[in-house]
């Protein structure tokens, strides 16, 4: 399993709107791609902004290529992102998942 990590910041006033937008763009498009296994969204306040981290999980790097294109290290951004005054990372990180244990 591969984890794909992307981060961005936006003003606090856009937090809810941007997370909704993220579900309608990146999460939706990812989930419609074969090999997608799931996603998590994290947020934390940083000064006057909110940092949003999206982690998506994939079967293989080839599945990520189907979503992101040939250069999987470049973030996939959307034109409407500018509305949320987004400061996105343009690079994403990929990790081989060594352990995946969940407990409730």
C-alpha atoms as a PDB file:
ATOM      1  CA  UNK A   1       0.000   0.000   0.000  1.00  0.00           C
ATOM      2  CA  UNK A   2       1.192   3.515  -0.836  1.00  0.00           C
ATOM      3  CA  UNK A   3       0.253   6.670   1.096  1.00  0.00           C
ATOM      4  CA  UNK A   4       0.244   9.977  -0.806  1.00  0.00           C
ATOM      5  CA  UNK A   5       0.600  13.111   1.352  1.00  0.00           C
ATOM      6  CA  UNK A   6      -0.293  16.656   0.264  1.00  0.00           C
ATOM      7  CA  UNK A   7      -0.496  19.831   2.349  1.00  0.00           C
ATOM      8  CA  UNK A   8      -1.855  23.350   1.955  1.00  0.00           C
ATOM      9  CA  UNK A   9      -2.726  26.301   4.138  1.00  0.00           C
ATOM     10  CA  UNK A  10      -5.637  28.700   3.906  1.00  0.00           C
ATOM     11  CA  UNK A  11      -7.071  31.470   6.082  1.00  0.00           C
ATOM     12  CA  UNK A  12      -9.234  30.195   8.948  1.00  0.00           C
ATOM     13  CA  UNK A  13     -12.280  31.871   7.398  1.00  0.00           C
ATOM     14  CA  UNK A  14     -12.042  29.436   4.449  1.00  0.00           C
ATOM     15  CA  UNK A  15     -11.422  26.231   6.398  1.00  0.00           C
ATOM     16  CA  UNK A  16     -14.898  24.677   6.151  1.00  0.00           C
ATOM     17  CA  UNK A  17     -15.408  25.830   2.583  1.00  0.00           C
ATOM     18  CA  UNK A  18     -12.073  24.503   1.434  1.00  0.00           C
ATOM     19  CA  UNK A  19     -12.531  21.122   3.120  1.00  0.00           C
ATOM     20  CA  UNK A  20     -15.901  20.807   1.361  1.00  0.00           C
ATOM     21  CA  UNK A  21     -14.220  21.790  -1.909  1.00  0.00           C
ATOM     22  CA  UNK A  22     -11.476  19.210  -1.279  1.00  0.00           C
ATOM     23  CA  UNK A  23     -14.118  16.482  -0.924  1.00  0.00           C
ATOM     24  CA  UNK A  24     -15.732  17.564  -4.210  1.00  0.00           C
ATOM     25  CA  UNK A  25     -12.452  17.677  -6.150  1.00  0.00           C
ATOM     26  CA  UNK A  26      -9.406  15.707  -5.001  1.00  0.00           C
ATOM     27  CA  UNK A  27     -11.127  13.187  -2.746  1.00  0.00           C
ATOM     28  CA  UNK A  28     -13.953  12.545  -5.206  1.00  0.00           C
ATOM     29  CA  UNK A  29     -11.638  12.191  -8.195  1.00  0.00           C
ATOM     30  CA  UNK A  30      -9.256   9.968  -6.217  1.00  0.00           C
ATOM     31  CA  UNK A  31     -12.071   7.714  -5.032  1.00  0.00           C
ATOM     32  CA  UNK A  32     -13.236   7.205  -8.616  1.00  0.00           C
ATOM     33  CA  UNK A  33      -9.769   5.972  -9.668  1.00  0.00           C
ATOM     34  CA  UNK A  34      -9.116   2.210  -9.651  1.00  0.00           C
ATOM     35  CA  UNK A  35      -6.691   1.263  -6.897  1.00  0.00           C
ATOM     36  CA  UNK A  36      -7.820   3.981  -4.486  1.00  0.00           C
ATOM     37  CA  UNK A  37      -8.117   2.544  -0.972  1.00  0.00           C
ATOM     38  CA  UNK A  38      -9.166   5.501   1.180  1.00  0.00           C
ATOM     39  CA  UNK A  39      -8.366   8.985   2.420  1.00  0.00           C
ATOM     40  CA  UNK A  40      -7.845  10.979   5.583  1.00  0.00           C
ATOM     41  CA  UNK A  41      -7.953  14.749   6.029  1.00  0.00           C
ATOM     42  CA  UNK A  42      -6.139  16.394   8.922  1.00  0.00           C
ATOM     43  CA  UNK A  43      -6.309  20.044   9.959  1.00  0.00           C
ATOM     44  CA  UNK A  44      -4.486  22.172  12.481  1.00  0.00           C
ATOM     45  CA  UNK A  45      -4.354  25.850  13.250  1.00  0.00           C
ATOM     46  CA  UNK A  46      -1.074  27.579  12.459  1.00  0.00           C
ATOM     47  CA  UNK A  47      -1.063  31.252  13.472  1.00  0.00           C
ATOM     48  CA  UNK A  48      -3.873  32.920  11.467  1.00  0.00           C
ATOM     49  CA  UNK A  49      -4.169  30.028   9.018  1.00  0.00           C
ATOM     50  CA  UNK A  50      -5.260  26.419   8.902  1.00  0.00           C
ATOM     51  CA  UNK A  51      -2.981  23.707   7.594  1.00  0.00           C
ATOM     52  CA  UNK A  52      -4.825  20.953   5.755  1.00  0.00           C
ATOM     53  CA  UNK A  53      -3.164  17.605   5.090  1.00  0.00           C
ATOM     54  CA  UNK A  54      -4.708  15.079   2.714  1.00  0.00           C
ATOM     55  CA  UNK A  55      -3.457  11.507   2.859  1.00  0.00           C
ATOM     56  CA  UNK A  56      -4.762   9.144   0.204  1.00  0.00           C
ATOM     57  CA  UNK A  57      -4.050   5.425   0.130  1.00  0.00           C
ATOM     58  CA  UNK A  58      -3.393   3.438  -3.031  1.00  0.00           C
ATOM     59  CA  UNK A  59      -2.696  -0.134  -4.073  1.00  0.00           C
ATOM     60  CA  UNK A  60       0.337   0.772  -6.261  1.00  0.00           C
ATOM     61  CA  UNK A  61       2.277   3.687  -7.707  1.00  0.00           C
ATOM     62  CA  UNK A  62       0.714   2.867 -11.076  1.00  0.00           C
ATOM     63  CA  UNK A  63      -2.728   3.561  -9.600  1.00  0.00           C
ATOM     64  CA  UNK A  64      -1.489   6.976  -8.471  1.00  0.00           C
ATOM     65  CA  UNK A  65      -0.246   7.646 -12.013  1.00  0.00           C
ATOM     66  CA  UNK A  66      -3.787   7.015 -13.294  1.00  0.00           C
ATOM     67  CA  UNK A  67      -4.985   9.785 -10.962  1.00  0.00           C
ATOM     68  CA  UNK A  68      -2.086  12.258 -10.987  1.00  0.00           C
ATOM     69  CA  UNK A  69      -0.433  11.779 -14.379  1.00  0.00           C
ATOM     70  CA  UNK A  70       3.104  10.752 -15.259  1.00  0.00           C
ATOM     71  CA  UNK A  71       4.856  12.960 -12.687  1.00  0.00           C
ATOM     72  CA  UNK A  72       3.222  11.709  -9.511  1.00  0.00           C
ATOM     73  CA  UNK A  73       5.409  13.962  -7.343  1.00  0.00           C
ATOM     74  CA  UNK A  74       3.580  17.082  -8.569  1.00  0.00           C
ATOM     75  CA  UNK A  75       0.402  18.045  -6.713  1.00  0.00           C
ATOM     76  CA  UNK A  76      -2.871  17.979  -8.594  1.00  0.00           C
ATOM     77  CA  UNK A  77      -4.501  21.375  -8.087  1.00  0.00           C
ATOM     78  CA  UNK A  78      -7.866  22.737  -9.209  1.00  0.00           C
ATOM     79  CA  UNK A  79      -8.733  26.195 -10.618  1.00  0.00           C
ATOM     80  CA  UNK A  80     -11.268  26.893  -7.844  1.00  0.00           C
ATOM     81  CA  UNK A  81      -8.551  26.505  -5.186  1.00  0.00           C
ATOM     82  CA  UNK A  82      -7.710  30.211  -5.595  1.00  0.00           C
ATOM     83  CA  UNK A  83     -11.134  31.162  -4.200  1.00  0.00           C
ATOM     84  CA  UNK A  84     -10.013  29.818  -0.805  1.00  0.00           C
ATOM     85  CA  UNK A  85      -6.753  31.846  -0.815  1.00  0.00           C
ATOM     86  CA  UNK A  86      -4.958  28.512  -0.767  1.00  0.00           C
ATOM     87  CA  UNK A  87      -1.201  28.282  -0.348  1.00  0.00           C
ATOM     88  CA  UNK A  88      -0.635  24.744  -1.632  1.00  0.00           C
ATOM     89  CA  UNK A  89       2.410  22.550  -1.607  1.00  0.00           C
ATOM     90  CA  UNK A  90       3.217  21.859  -5.240  1.00  0.00           C
ATOM     91  CA  UNK A  91       5.027  18.670  -4.330  1.00  0.00           C
ATOM     92  CA  UNK A  92       3.548  15.541  -2.744  1.00  0.00           C
ATOM     93  CA  UNK A  93       5.258  12.784  -0.762  1.00  0.00           C
ATOM     94  CA  UNK A  94       4.734   9.067  -1.188  1.00  0.00           C
ATOM     95  CA  UNK A  95       5.317   6.432   1.480  1.00  0.00           C
ATOM     96  CA  UNK A  96       5.184   2.656   1.501  1.00  0.00           C
ATOM     97  CA  UNK A  97       2.828   1.799   4.347  1.00  0.00           C
ATOM     98  CA  UNK A  98       4.688  -0.545   6.679  1.00  0.00           C
ATOM     99  CA  UNK A  99       1.977  -0.889   9.322  1.00  0.00           C
ATOM    100  CA  UNK A 100      -1.747  -0.223   9.095  1.00  0.00           C
ATOM    101  CA  UNK A 101      -3.446  -1.101  12.375  1.00  0.00           C
ATOM    102  CA  UNK A 102      -6.623   0.618  13.558  1.00  0.00           C
ATOM    103  CA  UNK A 103      -8.191   0.240  16.955  1.00  0.00           C
ATOM    104  CA  UNK A 104     -11.281   1.846  18.417  1.00  0.00           C
END
